[in-house]
Amino acid sequence: MTDILDQSDIDALLSAVTTGEIEEETAEAQIFSRYRRDLESVEIKEYDFKRPERISKDQMRALQTLHETFARNFGASLSGFLRTIVEVRVAHAEQMTYSEFISSLPNPTSFNLVDSDDLDGQMCLELSPLIIYPIIDRLLGGASHDLFIPQRAMTLIETRLIHRILERGMTALAEAWESVRKIDFRLGDMESNPQIVQMVPPNEVVVVIGFEIKMTNRAGTMSLCIPFNVIEPLMDDLSAQNWALAGRLRSDRRWGRLIVDRLADARLDAAGVLAETTITMAELRELAVGDVITTDKPASSPVTLSAEGIPKFLAHIGQFKGNRALRILRPIQPPDRG
């Protein structure tokens, strides 16, 4: 039978450990791998199996930057529609399980499914009642000063009004995602209780983009939930470097085409310069009808055609349908300018 320590033995052992007479035993860490490694050079990181991180930090930053564009476009669209200043900004971007996202939402709220034929699955867009009812009050002509926020499900009229707002959000979302891939979004079912919507399994990893919406003296939140299986085919396109480069190139091409289209209708003054010479002020003062001004340029040499005063072409002067005309020979080259 093992000996039983009394209180004095326990105090003596604790005192010996404190003074260093007895060293505290520590279990040696073991790392199991097919390759032999130096234990001191191995970096050990904590990993929570309940919240697996399946999206890299670079891809999360790319998603956040992408939806900052969505926030700006959506805010500008709401400002024009509501005739007041509406500010929409990204508050946070993180990944969590679907059950954690649902648990963080109020009840009732505006829980809207987002469908797309270009994606395998659904997303959801949640809009807080704290900003829903001020928007509805603004649409109906109110001032939102002493507005009461009811704790109930939205009526059919309120649902239709919010649907008009969220349709503008779908347009802004499609514009933002166009930098990665052309995707058309449309609103699906709308629920007031998020607990009854089982979009994905509870333990499925989702990306949640949180937004803050400010309108005059009111503010609220909006959340966009994207399941991992929906954007998994787009992971390669969402790497920070490729996404930024693709967005920049597509933006440049779009602006280039727009500038060309606008300049195509611009009017320019074209002039054919026959010859140039210099005279004195005295000669200019004595000029009269019938006088001839001679130049060093031969009569058979081509005429310079200028656009807005800038020499562009060499041409021969002639006649076409009873009007003076210039037939272009070739563009002006650097030796011609000398």
C-alpha atoms as a PDB file:
ATOM      1  CA  MET A   1       0.000   0.000   0.000  1.00  0.00           C
ATOM      2  CA  THR A   2       1.377   3.406  -1.001  1.00  0.00           C
ATOM      3  CA  ASP A   3       2.277   5.885   1.686  1.00  0.00           C
ATOM      4  CA  ILE A   4      -0.176   8.719   2.298  1.00  0.00           C
ATOM      5  CA  LEU A   5       1.330  12.201   2.642  1.00  0.00           C
ATOM      6  CA  ASP A   6       0.158  14.323   5.502  1.00  0.00           C
ATOM      7  CA  GLN A   7      -0.059  18.129   5.391  1.00  0.00           C
ATOM      8  CA  SER A   8       3.476  18.626   6.706  1.00  0.00           C
ATOM      9  CA  ASP A   9       4.941  16.439   3.938  1.00  0.00           C
ATOM     10  CA  ILE A  10       2.993  18.398   1.312  1.00  0.00           C
ATOM     11  CA  ASP A  11       4.211  21.744   2.727  1.00  0.00           C
ATOM     12  CA  ALA A  12       7.788  20.464   2.730  1.00  0.00           C
ATOM     13  CA  LEU A  13       7.578  19.391  -0.919  1.00  0.00           C
ATOM     14  CA  LEU A  14       6.065  22.710  -1.996  1.00  0.00           C
ATOM     15  CA  SER A  15       8.748  24.593  -0.106  1.00  0.00           C
ATOM     16  CA  ALA A  16      11.505  22.511  -1.748  1.00  0.00           C
ATOM     17  CA  VAL A  17      10.091  23.223  -5.233  1.00  0.00           C
ATOM     18  CA  THR A  18       9.876  26.936  -4.466  1.00  0.00           C
ATOM     19  CA  THR A  19      13.472  27.163  -3.217  1.00  0.00           C
ATOM     20  CA  GLY A  20      14.778  25.085  -6.137  1.00  0.00           C
ATOM     21  CA  GLU A  21      15.948  22.097  -4.105  1.00  0.00           C
ATOM     22  CA  ILE A  22      13.610  19.900  -6.169  1.00  0.00           C
ATOM     23  CA  GLU A  23      13.143  20.613  -9.884  1.00  0.00           C
ATOM     24  CA  GLU A  24       9.609  20.433 -11.247  1.00  0.00           C
ATOM     25  CA  GLU A  25       9.226  17.673 -13.800  1.00  0.00           C
ATOM     26  CA  THR A  26       8.047  18.833 -17.225  1.00  0.00           C
ATOM     27  CA  ALA A  27       6.799  16.527 -19.919  1.00  0.00           C
ATOM     28  CA  GLU A  28       8.948  16.642 -23.035  1.00  0.00           C
ATOM     29  CA  ALA A  29       7.028  17.670 -26.124  1.00  0.00           C
ATOM     30  CA  GLN A  30       6.855  15.074 -28.868  1.00  0.00           C
ATOM     31  CA  ILE A  31       6.384  15.782 -32.552  1.00  0.00           C
ATOM     32  CA  PHE A  32       5.407  12.941 -34.831  1.00  0.00           C
ATOM     33  CA  SER A  33       6.456  13.316 -38.463  1.00  0.00           C
ATOM     34  CA  ARG A  34       7.855  11.197 -41.254  1.00  0.00           C
ATOM     35  CA  TYR A  35      10.878  13.521 -41.332  1.00  0.00           C
ATOM     36  CA  ARG A  36      13.326  14.027 -38.452  1.00  0.00           C
ATOM     37  CA  ARG A  37      13.430  17.671 -37.358  1.00  0.00           C
ATOM     38  CA  ASP A  38      15.243  19.687 -34.759  1.00  0.00           C
ATOM     39  CA  LEU A  39      12.729  20.345 -31.986  1.00  0.00           C
ATOM     40  CA  GLU A  40      14.084  23.835 -31.310  1.00  0.00           C
ATOM     41  CA  SER A  41      13.590  24.977 -34.927  1.00  0.00           C
ATOM     42  CA  VAL A  42       9.983  23.813 -35.168  1.00  0.00           C
ATOM     43  CA  GLU A  43       7.315  26.505 -34.824  1.00  0.00           C
ATOM     44  CA  ILE A  44       4.187  25.294 -33.060  1.00  0.00           C
ATOM     45  CA  LYS A  45       0.902  27.148 -33.588  1.00  0.00           C
ATOM     46  CA  GLU A  46      -2.425  26.631 -31.869  1.00  0.00           C
ATOM     47  CA  TYR A  47      -5.239  25.312 -34.056  1.00  0.00           C
ATOM     48  CA  ASP A  48      -8.920  25.270 -33.133  1.00  0.00           C
ATOM     49  CA  PHE A  49     -10.664  22.377 -34.874  1.00  0.00           C
ATOM     50  CA  LYS A  50     -14.032  23.970 -34.118  1.00  0.00           C
ATOM     51  CA  ARG A  51     -13.115  27.023 -36.222  1.00  0.00           C
ATOM     52  CA  PRO A  52     -10.879  25.868 -39.074  1.00  0.00           C
ATOM     53  CA  GLU A  53      -9.368  28.655 -41.164  1.00  0.00           C
ATOM     54  CA  ARG A  54      -9.799  27.531 -44.744  1.00  0.00           C
ATOM     55  CA  ILE A  55      -9.150  30.927 -46.350  1.00  0.00           C
ATOM     56  CA  SER A  56      -5.729  32.542 -46.239  1.00  0.00           C
ATOM     57  CA  LYS A  57      -5.131  36.026 -44.899  1.00  0.00           C
ATOM     58  CA  ASP A  58      -4.263  37.328 -48.367  1.00  0.00           C
ATOM     59  CA  GLN A  59      -7.550  36.041 -49.728  1.00  0.00           C
ATOM     60  CA  MET A  60      -9.422  37.589 -46.794  1.00  0.00           C
ATOM     61  CA  ARG A  61      -7.758  40.936 -47.491  1.00  0.00           C
ATOM     62  CA  ALA A  62      -8.723  40.607 -51.154  1.00  0.00           C
ATOM     63  CA  LEU A  63     -12.334  39.895 -50.163  1.00  0.00           C
ATOM     64  CA  GLN A  64     -12.373  42.887 -47.837  1.00  0.00           C
ATOM     65  CA  THR A  65     -10.947  45.188 -50.512  1.00  0.00           C
ATOM     66  CA  LEU A  66     -13.450  43.868 -53.047  1.00  0.00           C
ATOM     67  CA  HIS A  67     -16.394  44.574 -50.756  1.00  0.00           C
ATOM     68  CA  GLU A  68     -15.081  48.028 -49.912  1.00  0.00           C
ATOM     69  CA  THR A  69     -15.811  48.775 -53.563  1.00  0.00           C
ATOM     70  CA  PHE A  70     -19.288  47.309 -53.076  1.00  0.00           C
ATOM     71  CA  ALA A  71     -19.801  49.513 -49.999  1.00  0.00           C
ATOM     72  CA  ARG A  72     -18.870  52.688 -51.890  1.00  0.00           C
ATOM     73  CA  ASN A  73     -21.104  51.861 -54.856  1.00  0.00           C
ATOM     74  CA  PHE A  74     -24.024  50.830 -52.653  1.00  0.00           C
ATOM     75  CA  GLY A  75     -23.698  53.989 -50.543  1.00  0.00           C
ATOM     76  CA  ALA A  76     -23.676  56.200 -53.641  1.00  0.00           C
ATOM     77  CA  SER A  77     -26.725  54.382 -55.037  1.00  0.00           C
ATOM     78  CA  LEU A  78     -28.652  54.736 -51.760  1.00  0.00           C
ATOM     79  CA  SER A  79     -27.741  58.420 -51.479  1.00  0.00           C
ATOM     80  CA  GLY A  80     -29.213  59.127 -54.893  1.00  0.00           C
ATOM     81  CA  PHE A  81     -32.311  56.997 -54.279  1.00  0.00           C
ATOM     82  CA  LEU A  82     -33.125  58.339 -50.801  1.00  0.00           C
ATOM     83  CA  ARG A  83     -32.039  61.940 -51.575  1.00  0.00           C
ATOM     84  CA  THR A  84     -29.859  62.068 -48.483  1.00  0.00           C
ATOM     85  CA  ILE A  85     -26.279  61.223 -47.587  1.00  0.00           C
ATOM     86  CA  VAL A  86     -25.870  57.500 -46.868  1.00  0.00           C
ATOM     87  CA  GLU A  87     -22.455  56.175 -45.849  1.00  0.00           C
ATOM     88  CA  VAL A  88     -21.679  52.459 -46.148  1.00  0.00           C
ATOM     89  CA  ARG A  89     -18.309  51.114 -45.016  1.00  0.00           C
ATOM     90  CA  VAL A  90     -16.760  47.729 -44.234  1.00  0.00           C
ATOM     91  CA  ALA A  91     -16.524  47.220 -40.471  1.00  0.00           C
ATOM     92  CA  HIS A  92     -14.897  43.758 -40.378  1.00  0.00           C
ATOM     93  CA  ALA A  93     -14.220  40.628 -42.414  1.00  0.00           C
ATOM     94  CA  GLU A  94     -13.766  37.277 -40.688  1.00  0.00           C
ATOM     95  CA  GLN A  95     -14.446  33.576 -41.075  1.00  0.00           C
ATOM     96  CA  MET A  96     -16.522  31.555 -38.642  1.00  0.00           C
ATOM     97  CA  THR A  97     -18.987  28.698 -38.598  1.00  0.00           C
ATOM     98  CA  TYR A  98     -22.505  29.188 -39.888  1.00  0.00           C
ATOM     99  CA  SER A  99     -23.986  28.477 -36.448  1.00  0.00           C
ATOM    100  CA  GLU A 100     -21.867  31.233 -34.893  1.00  0.00           C
ATOM    101  CA  PHE A 101     -23.039  33.669 -37.565  1.00  0.00           C
ATOM    102  CA  ILE A 102     -26.711  32.807 -37.033  1.00  0.00           C
ATOM    103  CA  SER A 103     -26.329  33.105 -33.245  1.00  0.00           C
ATOM    104  CA  SER A 104     -24.976  36.649 -33.599  1.00  0.00           C
ATOM    105  CA  LEU A 105     -28.036  37.920 -35.514  1.00  0.00           C
ATOM    106  CA  PRO A 106     -31.053  39.578 -33.870  1.00  0.00           C
ATOM    107  CA  ASN A 107     -34.567  38.215 -34.185  1.00  0.00           C
ATOM    108  CA  PRO A 108     -36.495  39.636 -35.976  1.00  0.00           C
ATOM    109  CA  THR A 109     -34.269  40.949 -38.752  1.00  0.00           C
ATOM    110  CA  SER A 110     -34.210  41.074 -42.555  1.00  0.00           C
ATOM    111  CA  PHE A 111     -32.522  37.830 -43.637  1.00  0.00           C
ATOM    112  CA  ASN A 112     -32.298  37.663 -47.433  1.00  0.00           C
ATOM    113  CA  LEU A 113     -30.965  34.788 -49.526  1.00  0.00           C
ATOM    114  CA  VAL A 114     -28.855  35.711 -52.561  1.00  0.00           C
ATOM    115  CA  ASP A 115     -28.895  33.394 -55.591  1.00  0.00           C
ATOM    116  CA  SER A 116     -26.659  33.249 -58.633  1.00  0.00           C
ATOM    117  CA  ASP A 117     -26.536  30.895 -61.594  1.00  0.00           C
ATOM    118  CA  ASP A 118     -22.761  31.392 -61.728  1.00  0.00           C
ATOM    119  CA  LEU A 119     -22.151  30.043 -58.203  1.00  0.00           C
ATOM    120  CA  ASP A 120     -22.789  26.651 -56.632  1.00  0.00           C
ATOM    121  CA  GLY A 121     -24.881  27.565 -53.594  1.00  0.00           C
ATOM    122  CA  GLN A 122     -26.447  30.569 -51.923  1.00  0.00           C
ATOM    123  CA  MET A 123     -25.227  33.572 -49.961  1.00  0.00           C
ATOM    124  CA  CYS A 124     -27.236  35.683 -47.555  1.00  0.00           C
ATOM    125  CA  LEU A 125     -27.502  39.392 -46.849  1.00  0.00           C
ATOM    126  CA  GLU A 126     -28.768  40.456 -43.430  1.00  0.00           C
ATOM    127  CA  LEU A 127     -29.980  44.000 -42.774  1.00  0.00           C
ATOM    128  CA  SER A 128     -30.509  45.256 -39.213  1.00  0.00           C
ATOM    129  CA  PRO A 129     -33.922  46.688 -38.201  1.00  0.00           C
ATOM    130  CA  LEU A 130     -32.050  49.669 -36.733  1.00  0.00           C
ATOM    131  CA  ILE A 131     -31.442  50.925 -40.273  1.00  0.00           C
ATOM    132  CA  ILE A 132     -34.345  49.212 -42.072  1.00  0.00           C
ATOM    133  CA  TYR A 133     -37.088  51.294 -40.477  1.00  0.00           C
ATOM    134  CA  PRO A 134     -35.292  54.660 -40.880  1.00  0.00           C
ATOM    135  CA  ILE A 135     -34.924  53.841 -44.589  1.00  0.00           C
ATOM    136  CA  ILE A 136     -38.617  52.901 -44.843  1.00  0.00           C
ATOM    137  CA  ASP A 137     -39.566  56.068 -42.941  1.00  0.00           C
ATOM    138  CA  ARG A 138     -37.451  58.119 -45.376  1.00  0.00           C
ATOM    139  CA  LEU A 139     -39.115  56.471 -48.381  1.00  0.00           C
ATOM    140  CA  LEU A 140     -42.546  57.281 -46.949  1.00  0.00           C
ATOM    141  CA  GLY A 141     -41.684  60.936 -46.315  1.00  0.00           C
ATOM    142  CA  GLY A 142     -40.763  60.860 -42.619  1.00  0.00           C
ATOM    143  CA  ALA A 143     -37.891  62.629 -40.849  1.00  0.00           C
ATOM    144  CA  SER A 144     -36.732  59.686 -38.637  1.00  0.00           C
ATOM    145  CA  HIS A 145     -36.336  61.929 -35.575  1.00  0.00           C
ATOM    146  CA  ASP A 146     -38.659  60.152 -33.111  1.00  0.00           C
ATOM    147  CA  LEU A 147     -38.887  56.858 -34.960  1.00  0.00           C
ATOM    148  CA  PHE A 148     -39.957  53.755 -33.030  1.00  0.00           C
ATOM    149  CA  ILE A 149     -38.232  50.486 -33.997  1.00  0.00           C
ATOM    150  CA  PRO A 150     -40.869  47.726 -33.687  1.00  0.00           C
ATOM    151  CA  GLN A 151     -39.854  44.240 -32.547  1.00  0.00           C
ATOM    152  CA  ARG A 152     -41.923  42.293 -35.062  1.00  0.00           C
ATOM    153  CA  ALA A 153     -41.713  40.731 -38.466  1.00  0.00           C
ATOM    154  CA  MET A 154     -41.942  43.135 -41.391  1.00  0.00           C
ATOM    155  CA  THR A 155     -45.236  43.625 -43.164  1.00  0.00           C
ATOM    156  CA  LEU A 156     -45.722  42.938 -46.872  1.00  0.00           C
ATOM    157  CA  ILE A 157     -45.423  46.646 -47.742  1.00  0.00           C
ATOM    158  CA  GLU A 158     -42.228  47.019 -45.711  1.00  0.00           C
ATOM    159  CA  THR A 159     -40.807  43.894 -47.353  1.00  0.00           C
ATOM    160  CA  ARG A 160     -41.443  45.270 -50.835  1.00  0.00           C
ATOM    161  CA  LEU A 161     -39.827  48.612 -49.954  1.00  0.00           C
ATOM    162  CA  ILE A 162     -36.712  46.894 -48.596  1.00  0.00           C
ATOM    163  CA  HIS A 163     -36.662  44.665 -51.669  1.00  0.00           C
ATOM    164  CA  ARG A 164     -36.277  47.795 -53.826  1.00  0.00           C
ATOM    165  CA  ILE A 165     -33.311  48.872 -51.676  1.00  0.00           C
ATOM    166  CA  LEU A 166     -31.634  45.469 -51.819  1.00  0.00           C
ATOM    167  CA  GLU A 167     -32.065  45.251 -55.594  1.00  0.00           C
ATOM    168  CA  ARG A 168     -29.702  48.207 -55.796  1.00  0.00           C
ATOM    169  CA  GLY A 169     -27.362  46.302 -53.500  1.00  0.00           C
ATOM    170  CA  MET A 170     -27.361  43.346 -55.927  1.00  0.00           C
ATOM    171  CA  THR A 171     -26.348  45.668 -58.764  1.00  0.00           C
ATOM    172  CA  ALA A 172     -23.510  47.151 -56.673  1.00  0.00           C
ATOM    173  CA  LEU A 173     -22.399  43.654 -55.619  1.00  0.00           C
ATOM    174  CA  ALA A 174     -22.239  42.470 -59.222  1.00  0.00           C
ATOM    175  CA  GLU A 175     -20.174  45.552 -60.160  1.00  0.00           C
ATOM    176  CA  ALA A 176     -17.712  44.834 -57.348  1.00  0.00           C
ATOM    177  CA  TRP A 177     -17.324  41.137 -58.227  1.00  0.00           C
ATOM    178  CA  GLU A 178     -16.827  41.967 -61.914  1.00  0.00           C
ATOM    179  CA  SER A 179     -13.167  42.627 -61.133  1.00  0.00           C
ATOM    180  CA  VAL A 180     -12.818  38.909 -60.268  1.00  0.00           C
ATOM    181  CA  ARG A 181     -15.467  37.280 -62.450  1.00  0.00           C
ATOM    182  CA  LYS A 182     -18.718  38.401 -64.051  1.00  0.00           C
ATOM    183  CA  ILE A 183     -21.479  37.188 -61.703  1.00  0.00           C
ATOM    184  CA  ASP A 184     -25.147  38.133 -61.731  1.00  0.00           C
ATOM    185  CA  PHE A 185     -26.793  38.213 -58.281  1.00  0.00           C
ATOM    186  CA  ARG A 186     -30.512  38.179 -57.537  1.00  0.00           C
ATOM    187  CA  LEU A 187     -32.568  38.210 -54.356  1.00  0.00           C
ATOM    188  CA  GLY A 188     -34.164  34.982 -53.187  1.00  0.00           C
ATOM    189  CA  ASP A 189     -36.416  34.285 -50.208  1.00  0.00           C
ATOM    190  CA  MET A 190     -36.663  36.784 -47.357  1.00  0.00           C
ATOM    191  CA  GLU A 191     -37.183  35.740 -43.720  1.00  0.00           C
ATOM    192  CA  SER A 192     -37.444  37.631 -40.443  1.00  0.00           C
ATOM    193  CA  ASN A 193     -36.195  34.771 -38.242  1.00  0.00           C
ATOM    194  CA  PRO A 194     -32.676  33.667 -39.253  1.00  0.00           C
ATOM    195  CA  GLN A 195     -32.861  30.549 -37.067  1.00  0.00           C
ATOM    196  CA  ILE A 196     -35.264  28.800 -39.429  1.00  0.00           C
ATOM    197  CA  VAL A 197     -33.044  29.237 -42.502  1.00  0.00           C
ATOM    198  CA  GLN A 198     -30.642  26.317 -42.879  1.00  0.00           C
ATOM    199  CA  MET A 199     -28.535  27.533 -45.775  1.00  0.00           C
ATOM    200  CA  VAL A 200     -25.517  25.280 -45.015  1.00  0.00           C
ATOM    201  CA  PRO A 201     -24.666  22.798 -42.201  1.00  0.00           C
ATOM    202  CA  PRO A 202     -24.051  24.474 -38.809  1.00  0.00           C
ATOM    203  CA  ASN A 203     -20.334  23.611 -38.764  1.00  0.00           C
ATOM    204  CA  GLU A 204     -19.693  24.822 -42.319  1.00  0.00           C
ATOM    205  CA  VAL A 205     -17.112  27.612 -42.576  1.00  0.00           C
ATOM    206  CA  VAL A 206     -18.477  30.916 -43.852  1.00  0.00           C
ATOM    207  CA  VAL A 207     -16.955  34.307 -44.582  1.00  0.00           C
ATOM    208  CA  VAL A 208     -18.839  37.178 -42.948  1.00  0.00           C
ATOM    209  CA  ILE A 209     -18.348  40.722 -44.248  1.00  0.00           C
ATOM    210  CA  GLY A 210     -19.787  43.218 -41.773  1.00  0.00           C
ATOM    211  CA  PHE A 211     -20.886  46.682 -42.916  1.00  0.00           C
ATOM    212  CA  GLU A 212     -21.912  49.821 -41.072  1.00  0.00           C
ATOM    213  CA  ILE A 213     -24.608  52.007 -42.631  1.00  0.00           C
ATOM    214  CA  LYS A 214     -25.074  55.632 -41.510  1.00  0.00           C
ATOM    215  CA  MET A 215     -27.944  57.859 -42.595  1.00  0.00           C
ATOM    216  CA  THR A 216     -28.319  61.330 -41.013  1.00  0.00           C
ATOM    217  CA  ASN A 217     -28.931  60.621 -37.303  1.00  0.00           C
ATOM    218  CA  ARG A 218     -29.414  56.837 -37.678  1.00  0.00           C
ATOM    219  CA  ALA A 219     -26.983  53.936 -38.009  1.00  0.00           C
ATOM    220  CA  GLY A 220     -27.244  50.187 -38.398  1.00  0.00           C
ATOM    221  CA  THR A 221     -25.390  47.118 -39.578  1.00  0.00           C
ATOM    222  CA  MET A 222     -25.488  44.851 -42.599  1.00  0.00           C
ATOM    223  CA  SER A 223     -23.822  41.445 -42.940  1.00  0.00           C
ATOM    224  CA  LEU A 224     -22.964  39.470 -46.046  1.00  0.00           C
ATOM    225  CA  CYS A 225     -22.461  35.758 -45.361  1.00  0.00           C
ATOM    226  CA  ILE A 226     -20.606  33.733 -48.024  1.00  0.00           C
ATOM    227  CA  PRO A 227     -20.239  29.962 -47.445  1.00  0.00           C
ATOM    228  CA  PHE A 228     -16.810  28.574 -48.269  1.00  0.00           C
ATOM    229  CA  ASN A 229     -18.180  26.025 -50.735  1.00  0.00           C
ATOM    230  CA  VAL A 230     -19.719  28.891 -52.743  1.00  0.00           C
ATOM    231  CA  ILE A 231     -16.462  30.775 -53.323  1.00  0.00           C
ATOM    232  CA  GLU A 232     -14.131  27.758 -53.280  1.00  0.00           C
ATOM    233  CA  PRO A 233     -13.952  27.682 -57.127  1.00  0.00           C
ATOM    234  CA  LEU A 234     -12.881  31.360 -57.019  1.00  0.00           C
ATOM    235  CA  MET A 235     -10.042  30.904 -54.545  1.00  0.00           C
ATOM    236  CA  ASP A 236      -7.320  31.088 -57.191  1.00  0.00           C
ATOM    237  CA  ASP A 237      -8.797  34.313 -58.560  1.00  0.00           C
ATOM    238  CA  LEU A 238      -8.973  35.794 -55.066  1.00  0.00           C
ATOM    239  CA  SER A 239      -5.230  35.738 -54.407  1.00  0.00           C
ATOM    240  CA  ALA A 240      -4.266  39.313 -53.602  1.00  0.00           C
ATOM    241  CA  GLN A 241      -1.763  39.776 -56.433  1.00  0.00           C
ATOM    242  CA  ASN A 242      -3.841  38.250 -59.244  1.00  0.00           C
ATOM    243  CA  TRP A 243      -7.020  39.966 -58.072  1.00  0.00           C
ATOM    244  CA  ALA A 244      -5.433  43.412 -57.889  1.00  0.00           C
ATOM    245  CA  LEU A 245      -3.730  43.002 -61.263  1.00  0.00           C
ATOM    246  CA  ALA A 246      -6.857  41.733 -62.971  1.00  0.00           C
ATOM    247  CA  GLY A 247      -8.947  44.540 -61.515  1.00  0.00           C
ATOM    248  CA  ARG A 248      -6.422  47.146 -62.587  1.00  0.00           C
ATOM    249  CA  LEU A 249      -6.160  45.804 -66.154  1.00  0.00           C
ATOM    250  CA  ARG A 250      -9.899  45.490 -66.587  1.00  0.00           C
ATOM    251  CA  SER A 251     -10.406  48.961 -65.171  1.00  0.00           C
ATOM    252  CA  ASP A 252      -7.808  50.379 -67.569  1.00  0.00           C
ATOM    253  CA  ARG A 253      -9.448  48.698 -70.572  1.00  0.00           C
ATOM    254  CA  ARG A 254     -12.888  49.882 -69.531  1.00  0.00           C
ATOM    255  CA  TRP A 255     -11.757  53.477 -69.116  1.00  0.00           C
ATOM    256  CA  GLY A 256      -9.794  53.302 -72.353  1.00  0.00           C
ATOM    257  CA  ARG A 257     -12.874  52.245 -74.315  1.00  0.00           C
ATOM    258  CA  LEU A 258     -14.958  54.931 -72.617  1.00  0.00           C
ATOM    259  CA  ILE A 259     -12.447  57.671 -73.445  1.00  0.00           C
ATOM    260  CA  VAL A 260     -12.210  56.529 -77.081  1.00  0.00           C
ATOM    261  CA  ASP A 261     -16.009  56.541 -77.404  1.00  0.00           C
ATOM    262  CA  ARG A 262     -16.260  60.056 -75.980  1.00  0.00           C
ATOM    263  CA  LEU A 263     -13.422  61.447 -78.111  1.00  0.00           C
ATOM    264  CA  ALA A 264     -14.839  59.936 -81.311  1.00  0.00           C
ATOM    265  CA  ASP A 265     -17.499  62.686 -81.484  1.00  0.00           C
ATOM    266  CA  ALA A 266     -15.139  65.552 -80.609  1.00  0.00           C
ATOM    267  CA  ARG A 267     -14.759  68.254 -83.302  1.00  0.00           C
ATOM    268  CA  LEU A 268     -11.339  69.491 -84.461  1.00  0.00           C
ATOM    269  CA  ASP A 269     -10.325  72.425 -86.668  1.00  0.00           C
ATOM    270  CA  ALA A 270      -8.301  71.208 -89.672  1.00  0.00           C
ATOM    271  CA  ALA A 271      -6.278  73.684 -91.773  1.00  0.00           C
ATOM    272  CA  GLY A 272      -4.079  73.347 -94.845  1.00  0.00           C
ATOM    273  CA  VAL A 273      -1.038  75.627 -94.652  1.00  0.00           C
ATOM    274  CA  LEU A 274       0.067  76.513 -98.204  1.00  0.00           C
ATOM    275  CA  ALA A 275       3.277  78.314 -97.273  1.00  0.00           C
ATOM    276  CA  GLU A 276       4.873  80.498 -94.629  1.00  0.00           C
ATOM    277  CA  THR A 277       7.193  83.508 -94.850  1.00  0.00           C
ATOM    278  CA  THR A 278       8.178  86.593 -92.880  1.00  0.00           C
ATOM    279  CA  ILE A 279       7.707  90.262 -93.734  1.00  0.00           C
ATOM    280  CA  THR A 280       8.488  93.508 -91.964  1.00  0.00           C
ATOM    281  CA  MET A 281       5.933  95.808 -90.391  1.00  0.00           C
ATOM    282  CA  ALA A 282       6.666  98.392 -93.091  1.00  0.00           C
ATOM    283  CA  GLU A 283       5.918  95.850 -95.849  1.00  0.00           C
ATOM    284  CA  LEU A 284       2.738  94.816 -94.089  1.00  0.00           C
ATOM    285  CA  ARG A 285       1.647  98.472 -93.865  1.00  0.00           C
ATOM    286  CA  GLU A 286       2.224  99.038 -97.586  1.00  0.00           C
ATOM    287  CA  LEU A 287       0.376  95.933 -98.800  1.00  0.00           C
ATOM    288  CA  ALA A 288      -2.464  96.639-101.260  1.00  0.00           C
ATOM    289  CA  VAL A 289      -4.898  94.711-103.457  1.00  0.00           C
ATOM    290  CA  GLY A 290      -3.063  92.948-106.263  1.00  0.00           C
ATOM    291  CA  ASP A 291       0.291  92.660-104.472  1.00  0.00           C
ATOM    292  CA  VAL A 292       2.047  89.283-104.601  1.00  0.00           C
ATOM    293  CA  ILE A 293       3.804  87.720-101.582  1.00  0.00           C
ATOM    294  CA  THR A 294       6.547  85.319-102.580  1.00  0.00           C
ATOM    295  CA  THR A 295       7.829  82.417-100.445  1.00  0.00           C
ATOM    296  CA  ASP A 296      10.701  79.958-100.634  1.00  0.00           C
ATOM    297  CA  LYS A 297       8.306  77.024-101.009  1.00  0.00           C
ATOM    298  CA  PRO A 298       7.877  75.601-104.552  1.00  0.00           C
ATOM    299  CA  ALA A 299       4.340  75.527-105.943  1.00  0.00           C
ATOM    300  CA  SER A 300       4.590  71.764-106.558  1.00  0.00           C
ATOM    301  CA  SER A 301       5.518  70.887-102.962  1.00  0.00           C
ATOM    302  CA  PRO A 302       2.837  69.314-100.705  1.00  0.00           C
ATOM    303  CA  VAL A 303       0.661  71.278 -98.315  1.00  0.00           C
ATOM    304  CA  THR A 304       0.881  70.777 -94.539  1.00  0.00           C
ATOM    305  CA  LEU A 305      -2.433  69.648 -92.996  1.00  0.00           C
ATOM    306  CA  SER A 306      -2.733  70.657 -89.335  1.00  0.00           C
ATOM    307  CA  ALA A 307      -5.297  69.606 -86.686  1.00  0.00           C
ATOM    308  CA  GLU A 308      -5.842  72.194 -83.933  1.00  0.00           C
ATOM    309  CA  GLY A 309      -2.598  73.885 -85.039  1.00  0.00           C
ATOM    310  CA  ILE A 310      -0.531  70.677 -84.830  1.00  0.00           C
ATOM    311  CA  PRO A 311       0.997  69.466 -88.174  1.00  0.00           C
ATOM    312  CA  LYS A 312      -0.238  65.916 -88.846  1.00  0.00           C
ATOM    313  CA  PHE A 313      -0.136  65.109 -92.603  1.00  0.00           C
ATOM    314  CA  LEU A 314       1.294  66.173 -95.964  1.00  0.00           C
ATOM    315  CA  ALA A 315      -1.312  66.614 -98.718  1.00  0.00           C
ATOM    316  CA  HIS A 316      -1.776  67.856-102.309  1.00  0.00           C
ATOM    317  CA  ILE A 317      -4.244  70.662-102.917  1.00  0.00           C
ATOM    318  CA  GLY A 318      -6.929  70.038-105.521  1.00  0.00           C
ATOM    319  CA  GLN A 319     -10.647  70.216-106.244  1.00  0.00           C
ATOM    320  CA  PHE A 320     -13.543  67.857-105.358  1.00  0.00           C
ATOM    321  CA  LYS A 321     -17.161  68.487-106.403  1.00  0.00           C
ATOM    322  CA  GLY A 322     -16.443  72.171-106.966  1.00  0.00           C
ATOM    323  CA  ASN A 323     -14.740  72.665-103.568  1.00  0.00           C
ATOM    324  CA  ARG A 324     -11.094  73.039-102.636  1.00  0.00           C
ATOM    325  CA  ALA A 325      -9.809  69.706-101.254  1.00  0.00           C
ATOM    326  CA  LEU A 326      -6.669  68.155 -99.793  1.00  0.00           C
ATOM    327  CA  ARG A 327      -5.593  64.633-100.683  1.00  0.00           C
ATOM    328  CA  ILE A 328      -3.449  63.150 -97.880  1.00  0.00           C
ATOM    329  CA  LEU A 329      -0.118  61.732 -99.003  1.00  0.00           C
ATOM    330  CA  ARG A 330       1.420  60.492 -95.766  1.00  0.00           C
ATOM    331  CA  PRO A 331       1.812  61.401 -92.072  1.00  0.00           C
ATOM    332  CA  ILE A 332       4.391  64.022 -91.194  1.00  0.00           C
ATOM    333  CA  GLN A 333       7.713  62.568 -90.101  1.00  0.00           C
ATOM    334  CA  PRO A 334      10.409  64.158 -87.905  1.00  0.00           C
ATOM    335  CA  PRO A 335      12.557  65.323 -90.893  1.00  0.00           C
ATOM    336  CA  ASP A 336       9.537  67.174 -92.334  1.00  0.00           C
ATOM    337  CA  ARG A 337       9.207  69.267 -89.178  1.00  0.00           C
ATOM    338  CA  GLY A 338      12.741  70.574 -89.573  1.00  0.00           C
END
